[in-house]
Protein backbone atom coordinates (compact mmCIF):
# COMPACT_ATOMS: atom_id res chain seq x y z
CA UNK A 1 16.31 10.63 45.88
CA UNK A 2 15.88 7.58 48.00
CA UNK A 3 17.05 8.01 51.57
CA UNK A 4 19.76 5.59 52.44
CA UNK A 5 19.89 3.80 55.88
CA UNK A 6 22.81 4.87 57.97
CA UNK A 7 25.74 2.59 58.49
CA UNK A 8 24.77 2.65 62.22
CA UNK A 9 21.41 1.18 61.29
CA UNK A 10 22.76 -1.58 59.18
CA UNK A 11 25.31 -2.29 61.88
CA UNK A 12 22.49 -2.73 64.42
CA UNK A 13 20.49 -4.79 61.99
CA UNK A 14 23.47 -7.24 61.44
CA UNK A 15 24.16 -7.46 65.31
CA UNK A 16 20.55 -8.39 65.83
CA UNK A 17 20.90 -11.22 63.28
CA UNK A 18 24.11 -12.29 64.98
CA UNK A 19 22.24 -12.11 68.34
CA UNK A 20 19.34 -14.37 67.03
CA UNK A 21 22.26 -16.78 66.12
CA UNK A 22 23.27 -16.63 69.67
CA UNK A 23 19.83 -17.68 70.81
CA UNK A 24 19.08 -20.08 68.01
CA UNK A 25 21.85 -22.49 66.84
CA UNK A 26 20.23 -22.93 63.45
CA UNK A 27 21.05 -19.33 62.53
CA UNK A 28 24.71 -19.27 61.44
CA UNK A 29 27.07 -17.49 59.24
CA UNK A 30 25.53 -14.03 59.31
CA UNK A 31 27.35 -12.02 56.53
CA UNK A 32 26.69 -9.26 54.03
CA UNK A 33 27.16 -5.57 53.37
CA UNK A 34 24.90 -2.72 54.41
CA UNK A 35 21.33 -3.84 54.61
CA UNK A 36 21.97 -6.92 52.11
CA UNK A 37 22.56 -9.56 54.68
CA UNK A 38 22.26 -13.37 54.44
CA UNK A 39 22.38 -16.13 56.89
CA UNK A 40 22.39 -19.91 56.82
CA UNK A 41 19.34 -21.70 58.65
CA UNK A 42 20.71 -25.18 59.32
CA UNK A 43 18.12 -27.41 60.73
CA UNK A 44 17.89 -31.22 60.38
CA UNK A 45 16.94 -31.41 56.73
CA UNK A 46 18.53 -28.26 55.44
CA UNK A 47 16.39 -27.71 52.19
CA UNK A 48 13.10 -28.46 53.92
CA UNK A 49 13.89 -26.22 56.98
CA UNK A 50 14.88 -23.20 55.00
CA UNK A 51 11.75 -23.56 52.99
CA UNK A 52 9.61 -23.87 56.01
CA UNK A 53 11.29 -20.76 57.32
CA UNK A 54 10.67 -18.91 54.07
CA UNK A 55 7.02 -19.98 53.84
CA UNK A 56 6.27 -19.02 57.36
CA UNK A 57 7.68 -15.71 57.08
CA UNK A 58 5.75 -15.25 53.75
CA UNK A 59 2.66 -15.94 55.81
CA UNK A 60 3.68 -12.93 57.97
CA UNK A 61 4.17 -10.66 54.77
CA UNK A 62 7.99 -10.90 54.68
CA UNK A 63 9.65 -11.86 51.56
CA UNK A 64 12.99 -13.51 51.69
CA UNK A 65 15.03 -15.12 49.03
CA UNK A 66 16.67 -18.71 49.75
CA UNK A 67 19.31 -20.86 48.19
CA UNK A 68 22.43 -19.99 46.18
CA UNK A 69 25.63 -22.21 46.70
CA UNK A 70 24.26 -23.30 49.98
CA UNK A 71 20.61 -24.44 49.98
CA UNK A 72 20.20 -23.25 53.58
CA UNK A 73 20.96 -19.67 52.82
CA UNK A 74 18.39 -17.06 53.56
CA UNK A 75 18.94 -13.63 51.88
CA UNK A 76 17.50 -10.34 53.11
CA UNK A 77 17.35 -7.45 50.73
CA UNK A 78 15.04 -4.94 52.22
CA UNK A 79 14.36 -1.72 50.40
CA UNK A 80 16.71 0.95 51.11
CA UNK A 81 13.90 3.18 52.50
CA UNK A 82 13.21 0.62 55.51
CA UNK A 83 12.85 2.29 58.81
CA UNK A 84 14.23 1.30 62.15
CA UNK A 85 10.68 0.37 63.08
CA UNK A 86 10.29 -1.91 60.15
CA UNK A 87 13.67 -3.56 60.89
CA UNK A 88 12.52 -4.10 64.60
CA UNK A 89 9.27 -5.53 63.41
CA UNK A 90 11.00 -7.92 60.89
CA UNK A 91 13.38 -9.06 63.67
CA UNK A 92 10.45 -9.90 65.98
CA UNK A 93 8.78 -11.63 63.18
CA UNK A 94 11.87 -13.54 62.39
CA UNK A 95 12.51 -14.55 65.96
CA UNK A 96 8.98 -15.65 66.39
CA UNK A 97 9.03 -17.83 63.28
CA UNK A 98 12.35 -19.40 64.27
CA UNK A 99 10.94 -20.21 67.67
CA UNK A 100 7.83 -21.85 66.02
CA UNK A 101 9.87 -24.26 63.73
């Protein structure tokens, strides 16, 4: 069976995203359950900004989904087998990409 991340790991992951929002005012409305999280990336031209974020993450090998009711929404759906090290690597990549935009 597939190992499930602990609730502590998902709490840390969500807190790190919220912390990114404290550093970058464009990252808002962090929400979700377990490892399936979302946030809104609200820049000047919402649609273009979120697409730039998605495309830059893809250049780093990170696949995220975007859109929904709010075109600025970024959806994070990592595999359940994701490790703490992979979460940390993702967060570092996300922070770097946000800084570069």
